[in-house]
């Protein structure tokens, strides 16, 4: 049984869903430490001159991701932050081939009031899973609390869900102790994600946008 693990990112890119699609069980690492420099509260969409960051205003405290609160009182250009994000998505994708198919579903998420970042992110992830027809079983790392860290924590999580194979992102080679997987009898695989090129709304192709870019433009996983 193949297990993938990833933090609950905001508007994740296609590689996130590629890993999920290749996993039997996908563990959302929701009790990992929040990192304001990572993609847990921000991501990029395609615009006419390149890309644009959409960033959820959150309390930037040293705490687990699942405890991070959204600062819903924050405004961007005289709009509530979520209205601004939704307007940016609308304005930059309204002419995309599949915009009308999916916009109402994602807009309903932004019309809700989410106290915690993880709840917003997981609702968006669920929408994208359904849209891309991905059916991996999702569980949360917080369901399996442990004081272990780094590679030991990953191995414990894989074992907790009955996995015998761990699908790591390519960066795992830089920080994991791979010998520990062998000692635990867990096969270690590394994701080999090659970003597809598809027609975007503007000239040229900019990779690694939020997966909504691919969705609105009609991309489908094989």
C-alpha atoms as a PDB file:
ATOM      1  CA  UNK A   1       0.000   0.000   0.000  1.00  0.00           C
ATOM      2  CA  UNK A   2       1.500   3.300  -1.137  1.00  0.00           C
ATOM      3  CA  UNK A   3       1.360   6.210   1.297  1.00  0.00           C
ATOM      4  CA  UNK A   4       1.956   9.860   0.400  1.00  0.00           C
ATOM      5  CA  UNK A   5       2.320  12.664   2.939  1.00  0.00           C
ATOM      6  CA  UNK A   6       2.062  16.414   2.456  1.00  0.00           C
ATOM      7  CA  UNK A   7       1.196  19.574   4.349  1.00  0.00           C
ATOM      8  CA  UNK A   8      -2.252  21.045   3.571  1.00  0.00           C
ATOM      9  CA  UNK A   9      -1.253  23.770   1.142  1.00  0.00           C
ATOM     10  CA  UNK A  10      -3.403  26.632  -0.119  1.00  0.00           C
ATOM     11  CA  UNK A  11      -4.535  26.203  -3.736  1.00  0.00           C
ATOM     12  CA  UNK A  12      -1.878  23.478  -4.277  1.00  0.00           C
ATOM     13  CA  UNK A  13      -0.060  22.994  -7.562  1.00  0.00           C
ATOM     14  CA  UNK A  14      -0.442  19.965  -9.845  1.00  0.00           C
ATOM     15  CA  UNK A  15       2.453  18.063  -8.285  1.00  0.00           C
ATOM     16  CA  UNK A  16       0.518  17.870  -5.016  1.00  0.00           C
ATOM     17  CA  UNK A  17      -2.360  16.123  -6.774  1.00  0.00           C
ATOM     18  CA  UNK A  18      -0.023  13.941  -8.830  1.00  0.00           C
ATOM     19  CA  UNK A  19       1.379  12.555  -5.574  1.00  0.00           C
ATOM     20  CA  UNK A  20      -2.114  12.078  -4.189  1.00  0.00           C
ATOM     21  CA  UNK A  21      -3.273  10.283  -7.334  1.00  0.00           C
ATOM     22  CA  UNK A  22      -0.336   7.862  -7.054  1.00  0.00           C
ATOM     23  CA  UNK A  23      -1.064   7.112  -3.375  1.00  0.00           C
ATOM     24  CA  UNK A  24      -3.502   4.618  -1.892  1.00  0.00           C
ATOM     25  CA  UNK A  25      -3.595   6.603   1.339  1.00  0.00           C
ATOM     26  CA  UNK A  26      -2.652  10.272   1.491  1.00  0.00           C
ATOM     27  CA  UNK A  27      -1.767  11.707   4.883  1.00  0.00           C
ATOM     28  CA  UNK A  28      -2.385  15.401   5.369  1.00  0.00           C
ATOM     29  CA  UNK A  29       0.456  16.526   7.632  1.00  0.00           C
ATOM     30  CA  UNK A  30      -1.743  18.976   9.493  1.00  0.00           C
ATOM     31  CA  UNK A  31       0.232  19.036  12.751  1.00  0.00           C
ATOM     32  CA  UNK A  32       3.495  19.948  11.011  1.00  0.00           C
ATOM     33  CA  UNK A  33       4.939  23.322  11.977  1.00  0.00           C
ATOM     34  CA  UNK A  34       3.489  26.258  10.045  1.00  0.00           C
ATOM     35  CA  UNK A  35       6.052  27.848   7.719  1.00  0.00           C
ATOM     36  CA  UNK A  36       5.192  31.362   6.534  1.00  0.00           C
ATOM     37  CA  UNK A  37       7.702  31.029   3.678  1.00  0.00           C
ATOM     38  CA  UNK A  38       6.090  27.888   2.282  1.00  0.00           C
ATOM     39  CA  UNK A  39       2.837  27.317   0.398  1.00  0.00           C
ATOM     40  CA  UNK A  40       0.577  26.651   3.361  1.00  0.00           C
ATOM     41  CA  UNK A  41      -1.115  30.050   3.100  1.00  0.00           C
ATOM     42  CA  UNK A  42      -0.225  31.228  -0.398  1.00  0.00           C
ATOM     43  CA  UNK A  43       0.099  30.200  -4.033  1.00  0.00           C
ATOM     44  CA  UNK A  44       0.227  31.665  -7.513  1.00  0.00           C
ATOM     45  CA  UNK A  45      -2.252  32.083 -10.347  1.00  0.00           C
ATOM     46  CA  UNK A  46      -1.513  32.990 -13.978  1.00  0.00           C
ATOM     47  CA  UNK A  47      -2.012  36.588 -15.044  1.00  0.00           C
ATOM     48  CA  UNK A  48      -1.328  38.498 -18.277  1.00  0.00           C
ATOM     49  CA  UNK A  49       2.295  39.346 -17.450  1.00  0.00           C
ATOM     50  CA  UNK A  50       3.329  36.208 -15.586  1.00  0.00           C
ATOM     51  CA  UNK A  51       1.951  35.154 -12.237  1.00  0.00           C
ATOM     52  CA  UNK A  52       0.463  36.646  -9.097  1.00  0.00           C
ATOM     53  CA  UNK A  53       0.626  35.531  -5.471  1.00  0.00           C
ATOM     54  CA  UNK A  54      -2.620  35.057  -3.566  1.00  0.00           C
ATOM     55  CA  UNK A  55      -1.838  35.049   0.152  1.00  0.00           C
ATOM     56  CA  UNK A  56      -4.262  34.255   2.950  1.00  0.00           C
ATOM     57  CA  UNK A  57      -3.699  36.623   5.891  1.00  0.00           C
ATOM     58  CA  UNK A  58      -2.955  34.498   8.935  1.00  0.00           C
ATOM     59  CA  UNK A  59      -1.443  34.877  12.358  1.00  0.00           C
ATOM     60  CA  UNK A  60       2.215  34.062  11.773  1.00  0.00           C
ATOM     61  CA  UNK A  61       2.912  32.271  15.007  1.00  0.00           C
ATOM     62  CA  UNK A  62       5.119  29.311  15.821  1.00  0.00           C
ATOM     63  CA  UNK A  63       2.438  26.652  15.985  1.00  0.00           C
ATOM     64  CA  UNK A  64       1.132  23.616  14.038  1.00  0.00           C
ATOM     65  CA  UNK A  65      -0.674  24.288  10.777  1.00  0.00           C
ATOM     66  CA  UNK A  66      -3.984  23.014  12.146  1.00  0.00           C
ATOM     67  CA  UNK A  67      -3.930  25.696  14.860  1.00  0.00           C
ATOM     68  CA  UNK A  68      -3.234  28.652  12.563  1.00  0.00           C
ATOM     69  CA  UNK A  69      -6.144  31.110  12.419  1.00  0.00           C
ATOM     70  CA  UNK A  70      -7.098  33.256   9.438  1.00  0.00           C
ATOM     71  CA  UNK A  71      -7.211  37.014   9.995  1.00  0.00           C
ATOM     72  CA  UNK A  72     -10.580  37.508   8.368  1.00  0.00           C
ATOM     73  CA  UNK A  73     -10.700  41.195   9.247  1.00  0.00           C
ATOM     74  CA  UNK A  74      -7.844  41.934   6.820  1.00  0.00           C
ATOM     75  CA  UNK A  75      -8.747  43.749   3.607  1.00  0.00           C
ATOM     76  CA  UNK A  76      -6.892  44.003   0.298  1.00  0.00           C
ATOM     77  CA  UNK A  77      -7.607  47.068  -1.855  1.00  0.00           C
ATOM     78  CA  UNK A  78     -10.763  47.819   0.143  1.00  0.00           C
ATOM     79  CA  UNK A  79     -12.081  44.274  -0.276  1.00  0.00           C
ATOM     80  CA  UNK A  80     -12.260  41.474   2.238  1.00  0.00           C
ATOM     81  CA  UNK A  81      -9.239  39.295   1.506  1.00  0.00           C
ATOM     82  CA  UNK A  82     -11.381  36.358   0.337  1.00  0.00           C
ATOM     83  CA  UNK A  83     -13.445  38.599  -1.952  1.00  0.00           C
ATOM     84  CA  UNK A  84     -10.204  39.911  -3.415  1.00  0.00           C
ATOM     85  CA  UNK A  85      -8.874  36.383  -4.037  1.00  0.00           C
ATOM     86  CA  UNK A  86     -12.126  35.321  -5.659  1.00  0.00           C
ATOM     87  CA  UNK A  87     -12.191  38.441  -7.838  1.00  0.00           C
ATOM     88  CA  UNK A  88      -8.623  37.760  -8.983  1.00  0.00           C
ATOM     89  CA  UNK A  89      -9.541  34.184  -9.879  1.00  0.00           C
ATOM     90  CA  UNK A  90     -12.642  35.359 -11.730  1.00  0.00           C
ATOM     91  CA  UNK A  91     -10.951  38.148 -13.658  1.00  0.00           C
ATOM     92  CA  UNK A  92      -7.984  36.044 -14.790  1.00  0.00           C
ATOM     93  CA  UNK A  93      -9.858  32.848 -15.692  1.00  0.00           C
ATOM     94  CA  UNK A  94     -13.308  33.990 -16.836  1.00  0.00           C
ATOM     95  CA  UNK A  95     -12.430  33.271 -20.484  1.00  0.00           C
ATOM     96  CA  UNK A  96     -10.911  29.840 -19.791  1.00  0.00           C
ATOM     97  CA  UNK A  97     -12.559  26.851 -21.459  1.00  0.00           C
ATOM     98  CA  UNK A  98     -13.797  25.218 -18.244  1.00  0.00           C
ATOM     99  CA  UNK A  99     -14.346  28.322 -16.119  1.00  0.00           C
ATOM    100  CA  UNK A 100     -18.131  28.086 -16.129  1.00  0.00           C
ATOM    101  CA  UNK A 101     -17.965  24.422 -15.166  1.00  0.00           C
ATOM    102  CA  UNK A 102     -16.081  24.959 -11.922  1.00  0.00           C
ATOM    103  CA  UNK A 103     -16.213  28.573 -10.787  1.00  0.00           C
ATOM    104  CA  UNK A 104     -19.468  28.369  -8.858  1.00  0.00           C
ATOM    105  CA  UNK A 105     -18.163  25.437  -6.816  1.00  0.00           C
ATOM    106  CA  UNK A 106     -14.941  27.134  -5.791  1.00  0.00           C
ATOM    107  CA  UNK A 107     -16.669  30.466  -5.193  1.00  0.00           C
ATOM    108  CA  UNK A 108     -18.957  28.811  -2.626  1.00  0.00           C
ATOM    109  CA  UNK A 109     -15.852  27.998  -0.572  1.00  0.00           C
ATOM    110  CA  UNK A 110     -14.758  31.630  -0.518  1.00  0.00           C
ATOM    111  CA  UNK A 111     -18.211  32.763   0.558  1.00  0.00           C
ATOM    112  CA  UNK A 112     -17.873  30.792   3.798  1.00  0.00           C
ATOM    113  CA  UNK A 113     -16.215  32.074   6.929  1.00  0.00           C
ATOM    114  CA  UNK A 114     -13.291  29.837   7.887  1.00  0.00           C
ATOM    115  CA  UNK A 115     -11.644  30.378  11.251  1.00  0.00           C
ATOM    116  CA  UNK A 116      -8.746  28.007  10.673  1.00  0.00           C
ATOM    117  CA  UNK A 117      -6.445  27.919   7.645  1.00  0.00           C
ATOM    118  CA  UNK A 118      -6.500  24.110   7.458  1.00  0.00           C
ATOM    119  CA  UNK A 119     -10.285  24.058   7.021  1.00  0.00           C
ATOM    120  CA  UNK A 120     -10.141  26.475   4.088  1.00  0.00           C
ATOM    121  CA  UNK A 121      -7.264  24.583   2.482  1.00  0.00           C
ATOM    122  CA  UNK A 122      -8.905  21.191   2.878  1.00  0.00           C
ATOM    123  CA  UNK A 123     -12.180  22.385   1.386  1.00  0.00           C
ATOM    124  CA  UNK A 124     -10.287  23.631  -1.683  1.00  0.00           C
ATOM    125  CA  UNK A 125      -8.303  20.388  -1.851  1.00  0.00           C
ATOM    126  CA  UNK A 126     -11.536  18.362  -1.676  1.00  0.00           C
ATOM    127  CA  UNK A 127     -12.990  20.419  -4.529  1.00  0.00           C
ATOM    128  CA  UNK A 128      -9.900  19.837  -6.683  1.00  0.00           C
ATOM    129  CA  UNK A 129      -9.810  16.124  -5.828  1.00  0.00           C
ATOM    130  CA  UNK A 130     -13.385  15.744  -6.987  1.00  0.00           C
ATOM    131  CA  UNK A 131     -12.760  17.810 -10.118  1.00  0.00           C
ATOM    132  CA  UNK A 132      -9.662  15.790 -11.073  1.00  0.00           C
ATOM    133  CA  UNK A 133     -11.411  12.511 -10.123  1.00  0.00           C
ATOM    134  CA  UNK A 134      -8.819  11.538  -7.511  1.00  0.00           C
ATOM    135  CA  UNK A 135     -10.049   9.017  -4.970  1.00  0.00           C
ATOM    136  CA  UNK A 136      -7.114   8.390  -2.623  1.00  0.00           C
ATOM    137  CA  UNK A 137      -8.157   7.892   0.989  1.00  0.00           C
ATOM    138  CA  UNK A 138      -7.265  10.951   3.074  1.00  0.00           C
ATOM    139  CA  UNK A 139      -6.308  10.849   6.748  1.00  0.00           C
ATOM    140  CA  UNK A 140      -4.680  13.417   9.036  1.00  0.00           C
ATOM    141  CA  UNK A 141      -1.351  13.122  10.811  1.00  0.00           C
ATOM    142  CA  UNK A 142      -2.941  14.644  13.930  1.00  0.00           C
ATOM    143  CA  UNK A 143      -4.967  11.433  14.244  1.00  0.00           C
ATOM    144  CA  UNK A 144      -1.666   9.687  15.038  1.00  0.00           C
ATOM    145  CA  UNK A 145       0.086  11.953  17.573  1.00  0.00           C
ATOM    146  CA  UNK A 146       3.746  11.332  18.291  1.00  0.00           C
ATOM    147  CA  UNK A 147       6.797  13.078  19.681  1.00  0.00           C
ATOM    148  CA  UNK A 148       8.940  11.682  16.863  1.00  0.00           C
ATOM    149  CA  UNK A 149      10.343  14.019  14.236  1.00  0.00           C
ATOM    150  CA  UNK A 150      11.723  14.011  10.704  1.00  0.00           C
ATOM    151  CA  UNK A 151      12.255  10.550   9.156  1.00  0.00           C
ATOM    152  CA  UNK A 152      11.137   8.735  12.309  1.00  0.00           C
ATOM    153  CA  UNK A 153       7.820  10.604  12.207  1.00  0.00           C
ATOM    154  CA  UNK A 154       7.275   9.750   8.539  1.00  0.00           C
ATOM    155  CA  UNK A 155       7.950   6.066   9.157  1.00  0.00           C
ATOM    156  CA  UNK A 156       5.568   6.024  12.118  1.00  0.00           C
ATOM    157  CA  UNK A 157       2.818   7.593  10.021  1.00  0.00           C
ATOM    158  CA  UNK A 158       3.281   5.099   7.190  1.00  0.00           C
ATOM    159  CA  UNK A 159       3.161   2.228   9.662  1.00  0.00           C
ATOM    160  CA  UNK A 160       0.121   3.700  11.450  1.00  0.00           C
ATOM    161  CA  UNK A 161      -2.010   3.440   8.306  1.00  0.00           C
ATOM    162  CA  UNK A 162      -0.706   0.003   7.320  1.00  0.00           C
ATOM    163  CA  UNK A 163       1.492   1.181   4.457  1.00  0.00           C
ATOM    164  CA  UNK A 164       4.458  -0.747   3.105  1.00  0.00           C
ATOM    165  CA  UNK A 165       5.635   1.887   0.580  1.00  0.00           C
ATOM    166  CA  UNK A 166       6.312   5.597   1.057  1.00  0.00           C
ATOM    167  CA  UNK A 167       6.040   7.970  -1.907  1.00  0.00           C
ATOM    168  CA  UNK A 168       8.280  10.932  -1.186  1.00  0.00           C
ATOM    169  CA  UNK A 169       8.713  14.173  -3.029  1.00  0.00           C
ATOM    170  CA  UNK A 170      12.109  14.497  -4.761  1.00  0.00           C
ATOM    171  CA  UNK A 171      13.395  16.868  -2.067  1.00  0.00           C
ATOM    172  CA  UNK A 172      13.155  14.024   0.435  1.00  0.00           C
ATOM    173  CA  UNK A 173      16.565  12.825  -0.740  1.00  0.00           C
ATOM    174  CA  UNK A 174      18.073  15.919   0.849  1.00  0.00           C
ATOM    175  CA  UNK A 175      16.774  15.485   4.397  1.00  0.00           C
ATOM    176  CA  UNK A 176      15.542  11.916   5.029  1.00  0.00           C
ATOM    177  CA  UNK A 177      17.583   9.109   6.528  1.00  0.00           C
ATOM    178  CA  UNK A 178      16.857   6.535   3.835  1.00  0.00           C
ATOM    179  CA  UNK A 179      18.478   3.689   5.753  1.00  0.00           C
ATOM    180  CA  UNK A 180      15.713   3.951   8.359  1.00  0.00           C
ATOM    181  CA  UNK A 181      13.104   3.002   5.753  1.00  0.00           C
ATOM    182  CA  UNK A 182      15.048  -0.137   4.860  1.00  0.00           C
ATOM    183  CA  UNK A 183      15.373  -1.049   8.522  1.00  0.00           C
ATOM    184  CA  UNK A 184      11.620  -0.601   8.952  1.00  0.00           C
ATOM    185  CA  UNK A 185      10.822  -2.752   5.907  1.00  0.00           C
ATOM    186  CA  UNK A 186       9.252   0.148   4.014  1.00  0.00           C
ATOM    187  CA  UNK A 187       9.942   0.592   0.312  1.00  0.00           C
ATOM    188  CA  UNK A 188      10.924   4.142  -0.561  1.00  0.00           C
ATOM    189  CA  UNK A 189       9.812   5.690  -3.847  1.00  0.00           C
ATOM    190  CA  UNK A 190      10.454   9.210  -5.109  1.00  0.00           C
ATOM    191  CA  UNK A 191       7.872  11.132  -7.067  1.00  0.00           C
ATOM    192  CA  UNK A 192       8.912  11.831 -10.628  1.00  0.00           C
ATOM    193  CA  UNK A 193       6.544  14.612 -11.576  1.00  0.00           C
ATOM    194  CA  UNK A 194       7.071  16.290 -14.932  1.00  0.00           C
ATOM    195  CA  UNK A 195       4.881  19.371 -15.176  1.00  0.00           C
ATOM    196  CA  UNK A 196       2.583  19.148 -18.210  1.00  0.00           C
ATOM    197  CA  UNK A 197       2.382  21.978 -20.707  1.00  0.00           C
ATOM    198  CA  UNK A 198      -1.148  23.027 -21.612  1.00  0.00           C
ATOM    199  CA  UNK A 199      -2.804  26.079 -23.124  1.00  0.00           C
ATOM    200  CA  UNK A 200      -3.034  28.938 -20.633  1.00  0.00           C
ATOM    201  CA  UNK A 201      -5.021  32.140 -20.995  1.00  0.00           C
ATOM    202  CA  UNK A 202      -2.028  34.252 -21.889  1.00  0.00           C
ATOM    203  CA  UNK A 203       0.944  33.905 -24.241  1.00  0.00           C
ATOM    204  CA  UNK A 204       3.731  31.606 -23.137  1.00  0.00           C
ATOM    205  CA  UNK A 205       3.541  28.949 -20.456  1.00  0.00           C
ATOM    206  CA  UNK A 206       4.298  29.478 -16.779  1.00  0.00           C
ATOM    207  CA  UNK A 207       4.552  26.211 -14.795  1.00  0.00           C
ATOM    208  CA  UNK A 208       3.813  25.524 -11.134  1.00  0.00           C
ATOM    209  CA  UNK A 209       0.704  27.645 -10.852  1.00  0.00           C
ATOM    210  CA  UNK A 210      -2.101  26.616  -8.544  1.00  0.00           C
ATOM    211  CA  UNK A 211      -3.894  23.567  -9.943  1.00  0.00           C
ATOM    212  CA  UNK A 212      -6.950  25.731 -10.596  1.00  0.00           C
ATOM    213  CA  UNK A 213      -5.011  27.096 -13.569  1.00  0.00           C
ATOM    214  CA  UNK A 214      -4.889  23.620 -15.109  1.00  0.00           C
ATOM    215  CA  UNK A 215      -8.470  22.843 -14.121  1.00  0.00           C
ATOM    216  CA  UNK A 216      -9.988  25.978 -15.638  1.00  0.00           C
ATOM    217  CA  UNK A 217      -7.945  25.457 -18.797  1.00  0.00           C
ATOM    218  CA  UNK A 218      -9.219  21.923 -19.294  1.00  0.00           C
ATOM    219  CA  UNK A 219      -6.233  19.823 -18.172  1.00  0.00           C
ATOM    220  CA  UNK A 220      -6.922  16.262 -17.005  1.00  0.00           C
ATOM    221  CA  UNK A 221      -4.656  13.657 -15.454  1.00  0.00           C
ATOM    222  CA  UNK A 222      -4.116  10.554 -17.618  1.00  0.00           C
END
